[in-house]
């Protein structure tokens, strides 16, 4: 299968969400921008770890910048997104590995998700 790249620079919306009833839920990351939507499936634990790592990364950015980085101490109320995932939800792939970085030039978090590979 050829490699596919879904790039949003920056996304208009990037959220984690679920579909289904508790105990039967499927977890998704979804990026929206430029009239397109990309949804990737992942495990509940992957969502939790991603949230923890983003928080730790932003704390480290603030620490290294001696507080001058444009990172708020708490999430601003207008930045909270509790709306449902954009429909229709079409899984592009199931996430295997993720990478997380801070782009100091653009002052943004970069998240890369790669598909599970069958070996």
PDB file of N, CA and C in Angstrom:
ATOM      1  N   UNK A   1       0.839  -1.174   0.000  1.00  0.00           N
ATOM      2  CA  UNK A   1       0.000   0.000   0.000  1.00  0.00           C
ATOM      3  C   UNK A   1       0.891   1.248   0.000  1.00  0.00           C
ATOM      4  N   UNK A   2       0.608   2.207  -0.897  1.00  0.00           N
ATOM      5  CA  UNK A   2       1.424   3.420  -0.926  1.00  0.00           C
ATOM      6  C   UNK A   2       1.200   4.272   0.316  1.00  0.00           C
ATOM      7  N   UNK A   3       2.230   4.998   0.672  1.00  0.00           N
ATOM      8  CA  UNK A   3       2.163   5.881   1.835  1.00  0.00           C
ATOM      9  C   UNK A   3       1.268   7.071   1.511  1.00  0.00           C
ATOM     10  N   UNK A   4       0.370   7.394   2.444  1.00  0.00           N
ATOM     11  CA  UNK A   4      -0.497   8.557   2.280  1.00  0.00           C
ATOM     12  C   UNK A   4      -0.159   9.555   3.376  1.00  0.00           C
ATOM     13  N   UNK A   5      -0.155  10.823   3.027  1.00  0.00           N
ATOM     14  CA  UNK A   5       0.161  11.879   3.972  1.00  0.00           C
ATOM     15  C   UNK A   5      -1.026  12.829   4.062  1.00  0.00           C
ATOM     16  N   UNK A   6      -1.501  13.044   5.278  1.00  0.00           N
ATOM     17  CA  UNK A   6      -2.597  13.976   5.534  1.00  0.00           C
ATOM     18  C   UNK A   6      -2.009  15.119   6.356  1.00  0.00           C
ATOM     19  N   UNK A   7      -1.812  16.258   5.733  1.00  0.00           N
ATOM     20  CA  UNK A   7      -1.166  17.374   6.417  1.00  0.00           C
ATOM     21  C   UNK A   7      -2.142  18.535   6.571  1.00  0.00           C
ATOM     22  N   UNK A   8      -2.176  19.076   7.763  1.00  0.00           N
ATOM     23  CA  UNK A   8      -3.004  20.242   8.084  1.00  0.00           C
ATOM     24  C   UNK A   8      -2.071  21.267   8.716  1.00  0.00           C
ATOM     25  N   UNK A   9      -1.859  22.384   8.029  1.00  0.00           N
ATOM     26  CA  UNK A   9      -0.858  23.337   8.496  1.00  0.00           C
ATOM     27  C   UNK A   9      -1.397  24.758   8.514  1.00  0.00           C
ATOM     28  N   UNK A  10      -2.069  25.145   9.563  1.00  0.00           N
ATOM     29  CA  UNK A  10      -2.533  24.372  10.721  1.00  0.00           C
ATOM     30  C   UNK A  10      -3.957  23.879  10.479  1.00  0.00           C
ATOM     31  N   UNK A  11      -4.430  22.962  11.297  1.00  0.00           N
ATOM     32  CA  UNK A  11      -5.833  22.541  11.180  1.00  0.00           C
ATOM     33  C   UNK A  11      -6.759  23.618  11.735  1.00  0.00           C
ATOM     34  N   UNK A  12      -7.959  23.663  11.195  1.00  0.00           N
ATOM     35  CA  UNK A  12      -8.981  24.547  11.768  1.00  0.00           C
ATOM     36  C   UNK A  12      -9.506  23.936  13.065  1.00  0.00           C
ATOM     37  N   UNK A  13      -9.458  22.609  13.127  1.00  0.00           N
ATOM     38  CA  UNK A  13      -9.941  21.881  14.304  1.00  0.00           C
ATOM     39  C   UNK A  13      -9.151  20.586  14.418  1.00  0.00           C
ATOM     40  N   UNK A  14      -8.745  20.247  15.637  1.00  0.00           N
ATOM     41  CA  UNK A  14      -8.076  18.975  15.904  1.00  0.00           C
ATOM     42  C   UNK A  14      -8.606  18.484  17.236  1.00  0.00           C
ATOM     43  N   UNK A  15      -9.314  17.350  17.221  1.00  0.00           N
ATOM     44  CA  UNK A  15      -9.963  16.859  18.439  1.00  0.00           C
ATOM     45  C   UNK A  15      -9.865  15.345  18.542  1.00  0.00           C
ATOM     46  N   UNK A  16     -10.025  14.879  19.767  1.00  0.00           N
ATOM     47  CA  UNK A  16     -10.211  13.456  20.038  1.00  0.00           C
ATOM     48  C   UNK A  16     -11.685  13.286  20.362  1.00  0.00           C
ATOM     49  N   UNK A  17     -12.265  12.197  19.892  1.00  0.00           N
ATOM     50  CA  UNK A  17     -13.674  11.944  20.173  1.00  0.00           C
ATOM     51  C   UNK A  17     -13.982  10.468  20.069  1.00  0.00           C
ATOM     52  N   UNK A  18     -15.223  10.132  20.358  1.00  0.00           N
ATOM     53  CA  UNK A  18     -15.636   8.729  20.350  1.00  0.00           C
ATOM     54  C   UNK A  18     -16.916   8.542  19.556  1.00  0.00           C
ATOM     55  N   UNK A  19     -17.104   7.300  19.127  1.00  0.00           N
ATOM     56  CA  UNK A  19     -18.342   6.876  18.486  1.00  0.00           C
ATOM     57  C   UNK A  19     -18.762   5.598  19.183  1.00  0.00           C
ATOM     58  N   UNK A  20     -20.036   5.511  19.558  1.00  0.00           N
ATOM     59  CA  UNK A  20     -20.538   4.297  20.186  1.00  0.00           C
ATOM     60  C   UNK A  20     -20.825   4.466  21.659  1.00  0.00           C
ATOM     61  N   UNK A  21     -21.383   3.421  22.215  1.00  0.00           N
ATOM     62  CA  UNK A  21     -21.765   3.403  23.624  1.00  0.00           C
ATOM     63  C   UNK A  21     -20.581   2.984  24.494  1.00  0.00           C
ATOM     64  N   UNK A  22     -20.569   3.415  25.772  1.00  0.00           N
ATOM     65  CA  UNK A  22     -19.495   3.000  26.679  1.00  0.00           C
ATOM     66  C   UNK A  22     -19.307   1.480  26.645  1.00  0.00           C
ATOM     67  N   UNK A  23     -18.064   1.084  26.591  1.00  0.00           N
ATOM     68  CA  UNK A  23     -17.736  -0.335  26.506  1.00  0.00           C
ATOM     69  C   UNK A  23     -17.619  -0.824  25.074  1.00  0.00           C
ATOM     70  N   UNK A  24     -18.218  -0.088  24.146  1.00  0.00           N
ATOM     71  CA  UNK A  24     -18.174  -0.444  22.723  1.00  0.00           C
ATOM     72  C   UNK A  24     -17.663   0.720  21.879  1.00  0.00           C
ATOM     73  N   UNK A  25     -17.037   1.677  22.516  1.00  0.00           N
ATOM     74  CA  UNK A  25     -16.626   2.899  21.823  1.00  0.00           C
ATOM     75  C   UNK A  25     -15.409   2.679  20.931  1.00  0.00           C
ATOM     76  N   UNK A  26     -15.394   3.442  19.856  1.00  0.00           N
ATOM     77  CA  UNK A  26     -14.212   3.560  19.019  1.00  0.00           C
ATOM     78  C   UNK A  26     -13.699   4.977  19.206  1.00  0.00           C
ATOM     79  N   UNK A  27     -12.405   5.107  19.443  1.00  0.00           N
ATOM     80  CA  UNK A  27     -11.789   6.411  19.681  1.00  0.00           C
ATOM     81  C   UNK A  27     -11.143   6.910  18.396  1.00  0.00           C
ATOM     82  N   UNK A  28     -11.272   8.214  18.160  1.00  0.00           N
ATOM     83  CA  UNK A  28     -10.739   8.832  16.952  1.00  0.00           C
ATOM     84  C   UNK A  28      -9.983  10.108  17.270  1.00  0.00           C
ATOM     85  N   UNK A  29      -8.994  10.409  16.439  1.00  0.00           N
ATOM     86  CA  UNK A  29      -8.436  11.751  16.329  1.00  0.00           C
ATOM     87  C   UNK A  29      -8.966  12.270  15.005  1.00  0.00           C
ATOM     88  N   UNK A  30      -9.344  13.538  14.990  1.00  0.00           N
ATOM     89  CA  UNK A  30      -9.907  14.092  13.770  1.00  0.00           C
ATOM     90  C   UNK A  30      -9.310  15.480  13.516  1.00  0.00           C
ATOM     91  N   UNK A  31      -8.837  15.682  12.298  1.00  0.00           N
ATOM     92  CA  UNK A  31      -8.327  16.983  11.868  1.00  0.00           C
ATOM     93  C   UNK A  31      -9.235  17.504  10.767  1.00  0.00           C
ATOM     94  N   UNK A  32      -9.531  18.802  10.837  1.00  0.00           N
ATOM     95  CA  UNK A  32     -10.416  19.435   9.863  1.00  0.00           C
ATOM     96  C   UNK A  32      -9.735  20.696   9.350  1.00  0.00           C
ATOM     97  N   UNK A  33      -9.800  20.907   8.046  1.00  0.00           N
ATOM     98  CA  UNK A  33      -9.258  22.130   7.468  1.00  0.00           C
ATOM     99  C   UNK A  33      -9.314  22.105   5.960  1.00  0.00           C
ATOM    100  N   UNK A  34      -9.387  23.275   5.371  1.00  0.00           N
ATOM    101  CA  UNK A  34      -9.410  23.419   3.912  1.00  0.00           C
ATOM    102  C   UNK A  34     -10.488  22.558   3.259  1.00  0.00           C
ATOM    103  N   UNK A  35     -11.649  22.455   3.896  1.00  0.00           N
ATOM    104  CA  UNK A  35     -12.762  21.710   3.324  1.00  0.00           C
ATOM    105  C   UNK A  35     -12.617  20.204   3.365  1.00  0.00           C
ATOM    106  N   UNK A  36     -11.700  19.700   4.147  1.00  0.00           N
ATOM    107  CA  UNK A  36     -11.527  18.243   4.249  1.00  0.00           C
ATOM    108  C   UNK A  36     -11.425  17.828   5.708  1.00  0.00           C
ATOM    109  N   UNK A  37     -11.720  16.554   5.941  1.00  0.00           N
ATOM    110  CA  UNK A  37     -11.693  15.992   7.288  1.00  0.00           C
ATOM    111  C   UNK A  37     -10.961  14.660   7.238  1.00  0.00           C
ATOM    112  N   UNK A  38     -10.064  14.446   8.189  1.00  0.00           N
ATOM    113  CA  UNK A  38      -9.354  13.174   8.300  1.00  0.00           C
ATOM    114  C   UNK A  38      -9.597  12.614   9.692  1.00  0.00           C
ATOM    115  N   UNK A  39     -10.070  11.368   9.746  1.00  0.00           N
ATOM    116  CA  UNK A  39     -10.331  10.689  11.018  1.00  0.00           C
ATOM    117  C   UNK A  39      -9.479   9.429  11.079  1.00  0.00           C
ATOM    118  N   UNK A  40      -8.769   9.258  12.192  1.00  0.00           N
ATOM    119  CA  UNK A  40      -7.974   8.051  12.392  1.00  0.00           C
ATOM    120  C   UNK A  40      -8.386   7.412  13.710  1.00  0.00           C
ATOM    121  N   UNK A  41      -8.474   6.101  13.720  1.00  0.00           N
ATOM    122  CA  UNK A  41      -8.895   5.367  14.919  1.00  0.00           C
ATOM    123  C   UNK A  41      -7.681   5.026  15.771  1.00  0.00           C
ATOM    124  N   UNK A  42      -7.900   4.995  17.072  1.00  0.00           N
ATOM    125  CA  UNK A  42      -6.842   4.614  17.997  1.00  0.00           C
ATOM    126  C   UNK A  42      -7.458   4.073  19.270  1.00  0.00           C
ATOM    127  N   UNK A  43      -6.612   3.566  20.142  1.00  0.00           N
ATOM    128  CA  UNK A  43      -7.068   2.985  21.397  1.00  0.00           C
ATOM    129  C   UNK A  43      -7.272   4.071  22.448  1.00  0.00           C
ATOM    130  N   UNK A  44      -8.145   3.788  23.396  1.00  0.00           N
ATOM    131  CA  UNK A  44      -8.426   4.721  24.491  1.00  0.00           C
ATOM    132  C   UNK A  44      -7.138   5.122  25.204  1.00  0.00           C
ATOM    133  N   UNK A  45      -6.270   4.161  25.450  1.00  0.00           N
ATOM    134  CA  UNK A  45      -5.015   4.440  26.145  1.00  0.00           C
ATOM    135  C   UNK A  45      -4.127   5.371  25.321  1.00  0.00           C
ATOM    136  N   UNK A  46      -4.143   5.232  24.002  1.00  0.00           N
ATOM    137  CA  UNK A  46      -3.348   6.120  23.156  1.00  0.00           C
ATOM    138  C   UNK A  46      -3.828   7.567  23.277  1.00  0.00           C
ATOM    139  N   UNK A  47      -5.143   7.769  23.363  1.00  0.00           N
ATOM    140  CA  UNK A  47      -5.688   9.119  23.532  1.00  0.00           C
ATOM    141  C   UNK A  47      -5.223   9.694  24.864  1.00  0.00           C
ATOM    142  N   UNK A  48      -5.294   8.891  25.913  1.00  0.00           N
ATOM    143  CA  UNK A  48      -4.888   9.355  27.244  1.00  0.00           C
ATOM    144  C   UNK A  48      -3.406   9.707  27.278  1.00  0.00           C
ATOM    145  N   UNK A  49      -2.576   8.860  26.685  1.00  0.00           N
ATOM    146  CA  UNK A  49      -1.135   9.119  26.665  1.00  0.00           C
ATOM    147  C   UNK A  49      -0.835  10.364  25.834  1.00  0.00           C
ATOM    148  N   UNK A  50      -1.513  10.531  24.709  1.00  0.00           N
ATOM    149  CA  UNK A  50      -1.303  11.721  23.887  1.00  0.00           C
ATOM    150  C   UNK A  50      -1.625  12.982  24.681  1.00  0.00           C
ATOM    151  N   UNK A  51      -2.736  12.986  25.391  1.00  0.00           N
ATOM    152  CA  UNK A  51      -3.108  14.152  26.204  1.00  0.00           C
ATOM    153  C   UNK A  51      -2.044  14.443  27.262  1.00  0.00           C
ATOM    154  N   UNK A  52      -1.574  13.405  27.933  1.00  0.00           N
ATOM    155  CA  UNK A  52      -0.527  13.580  28.956  1.00  0.00           C
ATOM    156  C   UNK A  52       0.758  14.128  28.349  1.00  0.00           C
ATOM    157  N   UNK A  53       1.144  13.590  27.200  1.00  0.00           N
ATOM    158  CA  UNK A  53       2.400  13.999  26.563  1.00  0.00           C
ATOM    159  C   UNK A  53       2.316  15.422  26.006  1.00  0.00           C
ATOM    160  N   UNK A  54       1.164  15.803  25.465  1.00  0.00           N
ATOM    161  CA  UNK A  54       1.002  17.184  24.991  1.00  0.00           C
ATOM    162  C   UNK A  54       1.135  18.137  26.166  1.00  0.00           C
ATOM    163  N   UNK A  55       0.496  17.810  27.279  1.00  0.00           N
ATOM    164  CA  UNK A  55       0.581  18.650  28.477  1.00  0.00           C
ATOM    165  C   UNK A  55       2.030  18.770  28.952  1.00  0.00           C
ATOM    166  N   UNK A  56       2.734  17.643  28.998  1.00  0.00           N
ATOM    167  CA  UNK A  56       4.135  17.654  29.436  1.00  0.00           C
ATOM    168  C   UNK A  56       5.014  18.434  28.454  1.00  0.00           C
ATOM    169  N   UNK A  57       4.758  18.271  27.157  1.00  0.00           N
ATOM    170  CA  UNK A  57       5.525  18.997  26.148  1.00  0.00           C
ATOM    171  C   UNK A  57       5.347  20.503  26.312  1.00  0.00           C
ATOM    172  N   UNK A  58       4.112  20.947  26.488  1.00  0.00           N
ATOM    173  CA  UNK A  58       3.859  22.379  26.649  1.00  0.00           C
ATOM    174  C   UNK A  58       4.478  22.917  27.936  1.00  0.00           C
ATOM    175  N   UNK A  59       4.442  22.122  29.000  1.00  0.00           N
ATOM    176  CA  UNK A  59       5.117  22.527  30.244  1.00  0.00           C
ATOM    177  C   UNK A  59       6.614  22.708  30.003  1.00  0.00           C
ATOM    178  N   UNK A  60       7.208  21.799  29.240  1.00  0.00           N
ATOM    179  CA  UNK A  60       8.640  21.876  28.940  1.00  0.00           C
ATOM    180  C   UNK A  60       8.959  23.084  28.057  1.00  0.00           C
ATOM    181  N   UNK A  61       8.091  23.373  27.104  1.00  0.00           N
ATOM    182  CA  UNK A  61       8.284  24.553  26.251  1.00  0.00           C
ATOM    183  C   UNK A  61       8.288  25.818  27.104  1.00  0.00           C
ATOM    184  N   UNK A  62       7.342  25.920  28.021  1.00  0.00           N
ATOM    185  CA  UNK A  62       7.279  27.087  28.909  1.00  0.00           C
ATOM    186  C   UNK A  62       8.533  27.154  29.779  1.00  0.00           C
ATOM    187  N   UNK A  63       8.946  26.016  30.321  1.00  0.00           N
ATOM    188  CA  UNK A  63      10.133  25.985  31.181  1.00  0.00           C
ATOM    189  C   UNK A  63      11.378  26.439  30.422  1.00  0.00           C
ATOM    190  N   UNK A  64      11.577  25.892  29.231  1.00  0.00           N
ATOM    191  CA  UNK A  64      12.781  26.226  28.456  1.00  0.00           C
ATOM    192  C   UNK A  64      12.780  27.670  27.962  1.00  0.00           C
ATOM    193  N   UNK A  65      11.596  28.236  27.781  1.00  0.00           N
ATOM    194  CA  UNK A  65      11.513  29.622  27.299  1.00  0.00           C
ATOM    195  C   UNK A  65      11.488  30.618  28.451  1.00  0.00           C
ATOM    196  N   UNK A  66      11.607  30.114  29.665  1.00  0.00           N
ATOM    197  CA  UNK A  66      11.534  30.959  30.871  1.00  0.00           C
ATOM    198  C   UNK A  66      10.218  31.734  30.913  1.00  0.00           C
ATOM    199  N   UNK A  67       9.166  31.071  30.427  1.00  0.00           N
ATOM    200  CA  UNK A  67       7.834  31.668  30.495  1.00  0.00           C
ATOM    201  C   UNK A  67       7.479  32.584  29.347  1.00  0.00           C
ATOM    202  N   UNK A  68       8.366  32.741  28.362  1.00  0.00           N
ATOM    203  CA  UNK A  68       8.075  33.661  27.256  1.00  0.00           C
ATOM    204  C   UNK A  68       7.343  33.007  26.087  1.00  0.00           C
ATOM    205  N   UNK A  69       7.208  31.682  26.082  1.00  0.00           N
ATOM    206  CA  UNK A  69       6.502  30.990  24.997  1.00  0.00           C
ATOM    207  C   UNK A  69       5.013  31.321  25.055  1.00  0.00           C
ATOM    208  N   UNK A  70       4.365  31.360  23.897  1.00  0.00           N
ATOM    209  CA  UNK A  70       2.941  31.697  23.850  1.00  0.00           C
ATOM    210  C   UNK A  70       2.050  30.514  24.236  1.00  0.00           C
ATOM    211  N   UNK A  71       2.272  29.967  25.412  1.00  0.00           N
ATOM    212  CA  UNK A  71       1.519  28.810  25.890  1.00  0.00           C
ATOM    213  C   UNK A  71       0.807  29.220  27.170  1.00  0.00           C
ATOM    214  N   UNK A  72      -0.535  29.213  27.163  1.00  0.00           N
ATOM    215  CA  UNK A  72      -1.255  29.598  28.382  1.00  0.00           C
ATOM    216  C   UNK A  72      -1.092  28.557  29.482  1.00  0.00           C
ATOM    217  N   UNK A  73      -1.184  29.009  30.724  1.00  0.00           N
ATOM    218  CA  UNK A  73      -1.063  28.103  31.873  1.00  0.00           C
ATOM    219  C   UNK A  73      -2.229  27.126  31.932  1.00  0.00           C
ATOM    220  N   UNK A  74      -3.399  27.574  31.545  1.00  0.00           N
ATOM    221  CA  UNK A  74      -4.590  26.718  31.477  1.00  0.00           C
ATOM    222  C   UNK A  74      -5.257  26.945  30.128  1.00  0.00           C
ATOM    223  N   UNK A  75      -6.035  25.975  29.703  1.00  0.00           N
ATOM    224  CA  UNK A  75      -6.723  26.094  28.428  1.00  0.00           C
ATOM    225  C   UNK A  75      -7.739  27.226  28.482  1.00  0.00           C
ATOM    226  N   UNK A  76      -7.647  28.187  27.569  1.00  0.00           N
ATOM    227  CA  UNK A  76      -8.641  29.263  27.540  1.00  0.00           C
ATOM    228  C   UNK A  76     -10.029  28.699  27.237  1.00  0.00           C
ATOM    229  N   UNK A  77     -11.052  29.287  27.834  1.00  0.00           N
ATOM    230  CA  UNK A  77     -12.425  28.800  27.655  1.00  0.00           C
ATOM    231  C   UNK A  77     -12.819  28.763  26.184  1.00  0.00           C
ATOM    232  N   UNK A  78     -12.380  29.744  25.400  1.00  0.00           N
ATOM    233  CA  UNK A  78     -12.761  29.779  23.989  1.00  0.00           C
ATOM    234  C   UNK A  78     -11.988  28.766  23.142  1.00  0.00           C
ATOM    235  N   UNK A  79     -11.014  28.077  23.730  1.00  0.00           N
ATOM    236  CA  UNK A  79     -10.257  27.059  23.011  1.00  0.00           C
ATOM    237  C   UNK A  79     -10.764  25.651  23.309  1.00  0.00           C
ATOM    238  N   UNK A  80     -11.706  25.527  24.230  1.00  0.00           N
ATOM    239  CA  UNK A  80     -12.266  24.223  24.567  1.00  0.00           C
ATOM    240  C   UNK A  80     -13.251  23.805  23.477  1.00  0.00           C
ATOM    241  N   UNK A  81     -13.122  22.573  23.003  1.00  0.00           N
ATOM    242  CA  UNK A  81     -13.978  22.067  21.927  1.00  0.00           C
ATOM    243  C   UNK A  81     -14.623  20.769  22.389  1.00  0.00           C
ATOM    244  N   UNK A  82     -15.886  20.839  22.752  1.00  0.00           N
ATOM    245  CA  UNK A  82     -16.599  19.637  23.180  1.00  0.00           C
ATOM    246  C   UNK A  82     -17.672  19.238  22.172  1.00  0.00           C
ATOM    247  N   UNK A  83     -17.604  19.802  20.980  1.00  0.00           N
ATOM    248  CA  UNK A  83     -18.561  19.452  19.929  1.00  0.00           C
ATOM    249  C   UNK A  83     -18.272  18.036  19.432  1.00  0.00           C
ATOM    250  N   UNK A  84     -19.280  17.385  18.871  1.00  0.00           N
ATOM    251  CA  UNK A  84     -19.056  16.031  18.358  1.00  0.00           C
ATOM    252  C   UNK A  84     -18.110  16.036  17.158  1.00  0.00           C
ATOM    253  N   UNK A  85     -17.599  14.861  16.842  1.00  0.00           N
ATOM    254  CA  UNK A  85     -16.764  14.707  15.658  1.00  0.00           C
ATOM    255  C   UNK A  85     -17.560  15.091  14.417  1.00  0.00           C
ATOM    256  N   UNK A  86     -16.851  15.568  13.396  1.00  0.00           N
ATOM    257  CA  UNK A  86     -17.490  15.908  12.128  1.00  0.00           C
ATOM    258  C   UNK A  86     -17.948  14.619  11.443  1.00  0.00           C
ATOM    259  N   UNK A  87     -19.168  14.632  10.924  1.00  0.00           N
ATOM    260  CA  UNK A  87     -19.700  13.470  10.220  1.00  0.00           C
ATOM    261  C   UNK A  87     -19.646  13.742   8.716  1.00  0.00           C
ATOM    262  N   UNK A  88     -19.534  12.713   7.907  1.00  0.00           N
ATOM    263  CA  UNK A  88     -19.418  11.309   8.290  1.00  0.00           C
ATOM    264  C   UNK A  88     -18.001  10.989   8.775  1.00  0.00           C
ATOM    265  N   UNK A  89     -17.908  10.034   9.676  1.00  0.00           N
ATOM    266  CA  UNK A  89     -16.614   9.626  10.217  1.00  0.00           C
ATOM    267  C   UNK A  89     -16.146   8.409   9.426  1.00  0.00           C
ATOM    268  N   UNK A  90     -15.122   8.625   8.621  1.00  0.00           N
ATOM    269  CA  UNK A  90     -14.560   7.552   7.807  1.00  0.00           C
ATOM    270  C   UNK A  90     -13.120   7.321   8.246  1.00  0.00           C
ATOM    271  N   UNK A  91     -12.877   6.170   8.827  1.00  0.00           N
ATOM    272  CA  UNK A  91     -11.543   5.841   9.346  1.00  0.00           C
ATOM    273  C   UNK A  91     -10.545   5.716   8.200  1.00  0.00           C
ATOM    274  N   UNK A  92      -9.523   6.566   8.214  1.00  0.00           N
ATOM    275  CA  UNK A  92      -8.466   6.490   7.197  1.00  0.00           C
ATOM    276  C   UNK A  92      -7.506   5.350   7.512  1.00  0.00           C
ATOM    277  N   UNK A  93      -7.212   5.178   8.797  1.00  0.00           N
ATOM    278  CA  UNK A  93      -6.355   4.085   9.242  1.00  0.00           C
ATOM    279  C   UNK A  93      -6.423   3.991  10.754  1.00  0.00           C
ATOM    280  N   UNK A  94      -5.883   2.890  11.287  1.00  0.00           N
ATOM    281  CA  UNK A  94      -5.766   2.702  12.733  1.00  0.00           C
ATOM    282  C   UNK A  94      -4.343   3.080  13.124  1.00  0.00           C
ATOM    283  N   UNK A  95      -4.231   3.928  14.141  1.00  0.00           N
ATOM    284  CA  UNK A  95      -2.931   4.444  14.570  1.00  0.00           C
ATOM    285  C   UNK A  95      -2.125   3.364  15.282  1.00  0.00           C
ATOM    286  N   UNK A  96      -0.874   3.246  14.878  1.00  0.00           N
ATOM    287  CA  UNK A  96       0.064   2.364  15.558  1.00  0.00           C
ATOM    288  C   UNK A  96       0.990   3.179  16.440  1.00  0.00           C
ATOM    289  N   UNK A  97       1.761   4.058  15.808  1.00  0.00           N
ATOM    290  CA  UNK A  97       2.695   4.897  16.557  1.00  0.00           C
ATOM    291  C   UNK A  97       2.393   6.371  16.320  1.00  0.00           C
ATOM    292  N   UNK A  98       2.751   7.168  17.319  1.00  0.00           N
ATOM    293  CA  UNK A  98       2.585   8.613  17.215  1.00  0.00           C
ATOM    294  C   UNK A  98       3.890   9.284  17.606  1.00  0.00           C
ATOM    295  N   UNK A  99       4.112  10.449  17.025  1.00  0.00           N
ATOM    296  CA  UNK A  99       5.259  11.279  17.385  1.00  0.00           C
ATOM    297  C   UNK A  99       4.731  12.663  17.723  1.00  0.00           C
ATOM    298  N   UNK A 100       5.416  13.306  18.630  1.00  0.00           N
ATOM    299  CA  UNK A 100       4.982  14.602  19.137  1.00  0.00           C
ATOM    300  C   UNK A 100       6.193  15.518  19.179  1.00  0.00           C
ATOM    301  N   UNK A 101       6.024  16.759  18.712  1.00  0.00           N
ATOM    302  CA  UNK A 101       7.144  17.703  18.717  1.00  0.00           C
ATOM    303  C   UNK A 101       6.623  19.127  18.849  1.00  0.00           C
ATOM    304  N   UNK A 102       7.533  20.021  19.195  1.00  0.00           N
ATOM    305  CA  UNK A 102       7.242  21.457  19.243  1.00  0.00           C
ATOM    306  C   UNK A 102       8.005  22.101  18.093  1.00  0.00           C
ATOM    307  N   UNK A 103       7.310  22.796  17.210  1.00  0.00           N
ATOM    308  CA  UNK A 103       7.928  23.547  16.124  1.00  0.00           C
ATOM    309  C   UNK A 103       8.156  24.959  16.635  1.00  0.00           C
ATOM    310  N   UNK A 104       9.387  25.253  17.024  1.00  0.00           N
ATOM    311  CA  UNK A 104       9.697  26.547  17.633  1.00  0.00           C
ATOM    312  C   UNK A 104       9.549  27.700  16.647  1.00  0.00           C
ATOM    313  N   UNK A 105       9.798  27.457  15.363  1.00  0.00           N
ATOM    314  CA  UNK A 105       9.674  28.527  14.371  1.00  0.00           C
ATOM    315  C   UNK A 105       8.233  29.005  14.235  1.00  0.00           C
ATOM    316  N   UNK A 106       7.300  28.052  14.155  1.00  0.00           N
ATOM    317  CA  UNK A 106       5.885  28.398  14.007  1.00  0.00           C
ATOM    318  C   UNK A 106       5.136  28.427  15.333  1.00  0.00           C
ATOM    319  N   UNK A 107       5.815  28.016  16.403  1.00  0.00           N
ATOM    320  CA  UNK A 107       5.234  27.964  17.749  1.00  0.00           C
ATOM    321  C   UNK A 107       3.938  27.149  17.779  1.00  0.00           C
ATOM    322  N   UNK A 108       4.051  25.910  17.298  1.00  0.00           N
ATOM    323  CA  UNK A 108       2.913  24.994  17.271  1.00  0.00           C
ATOM    324  C   UNK A 108       3.358  23.595  17.675  1.00  0.00           C
ATOM    325  N   UNK A 109       2.403  22.831  18.172  1.00  0.00           N
ATOM    326  CA  UNK A 109       2.621  21.413  18.459  1.00  0.00           C
ATOM    327  C   UNK A 109       2.425  20.647  17.152  1.00  0.00           C
ATOM    328  N   UNK A 110       3.306  19.711  16.882  1.00  0.00           N
ATOM    329  CA  UNK A 110       3.204  18.864  15.699  1.00  0.00           C
ATOM    330  C   UNK A 110       2.920  17.445  16.176  1.00  0.00           C
ATOM    331  N   UNK A 111       1.854  16.859  15.651  1.00  0.00           N
ATOM    332  CA  UNK A 111       1.490  15.483  16.001  1.00  0.00           C
ATOM    333  C   UNK A 111       1.502  14.660  14.725  1.00  0.00           C
ATOM    334  N   UNK A 112       2.253  13.579  14.735  1.00  0.00           N
ATOM    335  CA  UNK A 112       2.289  12.653  13.610  1.00  0.00           C
ATOM    336  C   UNK A 112       1.718  11.325  14.070  1.00  0.00           C
ATOM    337  N   UNK A 113       0.815  10.787  13.276  1.00  0.00           N
ATOM    338  CA  UNK A 113       0.224   9.480  13.571  1.00  0.00           C
ATOM    339  C   UNK A 113       0.514   8.560  12.391  1.00  0.00           C
ATOM    340  N   UNK A 114       1.037   7.385  12.683  1.00  0.00           N
ATOM    341  CA  UNK A 114       1.350   6.418  11.640  1.00  0.00           C
ATOM    342  C   UNK A 114       0.480   5.188  11.814  1.00  0.00           C
ATOM    343  N   UNK A 115       0.124   4.597  10.689  1.00  0.00           N
ATOM    344  CA  UNK A 115      -0.754   3.436  10.697  1.00  0.00           C
ATOM    345  C   UNK A 115      -0.073   2.222  11.315  1.00  0.00           C
ATOM    346  N   UNK A 116      -0.893   1.354  11.879  1.00  0.00           N
ATOM    347  CA  UNK A 116      -0.422   0.058  12.354  1.00  0.00           C
ATOM    348  C   UNK A 116       0.124  -0.682  11.142  1.00  0.00           C
ATOM    349  N   UNK A 117       1.279  -1.285  11.301  1.00  0.00           N
ATOM    350  CA  UNK A 117       1.833  -2.075  10.206  1.00  0.00           C
ATOM    351  C   UNK A 117       1.747  -3.541  10.576  1.00  0.00           C
ATOM    352  N   UNK A 118       1.352  -4.339   9.609  1.00  0.00           N
ATOM    353  CA  UNK A 118       1.262  -5.780   9.837  1.00  0.00           C
ATOM    354  C   UNK A 118       2.566  -6.409   9.397  1.00  0.00           C
ATOM    355  N   UNK A 119       3.179  -7.151  10.295  1.00  0.00           N
ATOM    356  CA  UNK A 119       4.470  -7.772   9.978  1.00  0.00           C
ATOM    357  C   UNK A 119       4.350  -9.258   9.950  1.00  0.00           C
TER     358      UNK A 119
END
